[in-house]
Amino acid sequence: MIKALVVYKELVDGGHPLLDDYWVEKSKIVEVEKETDINKVSNHIINIKIL
């Protein structure tokens, strides 16, 4: 198992048609079998650090 810290961005809905949507940067630690499985965490990955 490989542990990795994944930093990604997520689009947050403004909640009203007159409010703009905005991007939030989030991170989480994931355990995967192969390095390529990290791609399934999010579509907008910014940074990956193997722990």
C-alpha atoms as a PDB file:
ATOM      1  CA  MET A   1       0.000   0.000   0.000  1.00  0.00           C
ATOM      2  CA  ILE A   2       1.159   3.488  -0.829  1.00  0.00           C
ATOM      3  CA  LYS A   3       0.152   6.504   1.253  1.00  0.00           C
ATOM      4  CA  ALA A   4       0.010   9.863  -0.504  1.00  0.00           C
ATOM      5  CA  LEU A   5      -1.030  13.403   0.339  1.00  0.00           C
ATOM      6  CA  VAL A   6      -3.183  14.674  -2.513  1.00  0.00           C
ATOM      7  CA  VAL A   7      -3.882  18.391  -2.918  1.00  0.00           C
ATOM      8  CA  TYR A   8      -6.748  19.147  -5.281  1.00  0.00           C
ATOM      9  CA  LYS A   9      -9.210  21.906  -6.097  1.00  0.00           C
ATOM     10  CA  GLU A  10     -12.978  21.615  -5.980  1.00  0.00           C
ATOM     11  CA  LEU A  11     -15.644  23.886  -7.483  1.00  0.00           C
ATOM     12  CA  VAL A  12     -18.120  25.209  -4.920  1.00  0.00           C
ATOM     13  CA  ASP A  13     -21.548  26.348  -6.094  1.00  0.00           C
ATOM     14  CA  GLY A  14     -22.409  29.950  -5.213  1.00  0.00           C
ATOM     15  CA  GLY A  15     -25.877  28.895  -4.091  1.00  0.00           C
ATOM     16  CA  HIS A  16     -27.727  31.510  -6.130  1.00  0.00           C
ATOM     17  CA  PRO A  17     -27.732  32.359  -9.862  1.00  0.00           C
ATOM     18  CA  LEU A  18     -26.388  35.859  -9.145  1.00  0.00           C
ATOM     19  CA  LEU A  19     -23.462  34.581  -7.049  1.00  0.00           C
ATOM     20  CA  ASP A  20     -20.271  33.347  -8.679  1.00  0.00           C
ATOM     21  CA  ASP A  21     -18.966  29.822  -8.195  1.00  0.00           C
ATOM     22  CA  TYR A  22     -15.474  29.606  -6.710  1.00  0.00           C
ATOM     23  CA  TRP A  23     -12.619  27.113  -6.373  1.00  0.00           C
ATOM     24  CA  VAL A  24     -11.509  25.750  -2.987  1.00  0.00           C
ATOM     25  CA  GLU A  25      -8.204  23.992  -2.412  1.00  0.00           C
ATOM     26  CA  LYS A  26      -8.536  20.774  -0.384  1.00  0.00           C
ATOM     27  CA  SER A  27      -6.219  17.960   0.619  1.00  0.00           C
ATOM     28  CA  LYS A  28      -6.487  14.427   1.940  1.00  0.00           C
ATOM     29  CA  ILE A  29      -4.327  11.422   2.630  1.00  0.00           C
ATOM     30  CA  VAL A  30      -5.188   8.362   0.560  1.00  0.00           C
ATOM     31  CA  GLU A  31      -3.966   4.765   0.544  1.00  0.00           C
ATOM     32  CA  VAL A  32      -3.739   3.137  -2.863  1.00  0.00           C
ATOM     33  CA  GLU A  33      -2.318  -0.049  -4.338  1.00  0.00           C
ATOM     34  CA  LYS A  34      -0.701   1.604  -7.382  1.00  0.00           C
ATOM     35  CA  GLU A  35       0.327   5.191  -8.103  1.00  0.00           C
ATOM     36  CA  THR A  36      -2.111   5.411 -11.001  1.00  0.00           C
ATOM     37  CA  ASP A  37      -5.054   4.862  -8.622  1.00  0.00           C
ATOM     38  CA  ILE A  38      -4.443   8.370  -7.218  1.00  0.00           C
ATOM     39  CA  ASN A  39      -6.021   9.771 -10.398  1.00  0.00           C
ATOM     40  CA  LYS A  40      -9.405   8.454  -9.229  1.00  0.00           C
ATOM     41  CA  VAL A  41      -9.415  10.835  -6.217  1.00  0.00           C
ATOM     42  CA  SER A  42     -10.191  13.996  -8.182  1.00  0.00           C
ATOM     43  CA  ASN A  43     -10.110  15.462 -11.676  1.00  0.00           C
ATOM     44  CA  HIS A  44      -8.320  18.649 -10.601  1.00  0.00           C
ATOM     45  CA  ILE A  45      -5.194  17.434  -8.762  1.00  0.00           C
ATOM     46  CA  ILE A  46      -2.673  20.178  -7.978  1.00  0.00           C
ATOM     47  CA  ASN A  47       0.057  18.325  -6.105  1.00  0.00           C
ATOM     48  CA  ILE A  48       0.895  14.792  -4.906  1.00  0.00           C
ATOM     49  CA  LYS A  49       3.392  13.870  -2.192  1.00  0.00           C
ATOM     50  CA  ILE A  50       4.216  10.223  -1.472  1.00  0.00           C
ATOM     51  CA  LEU A  51       4.489   9.626   2.283  1.00  0.00           C
END
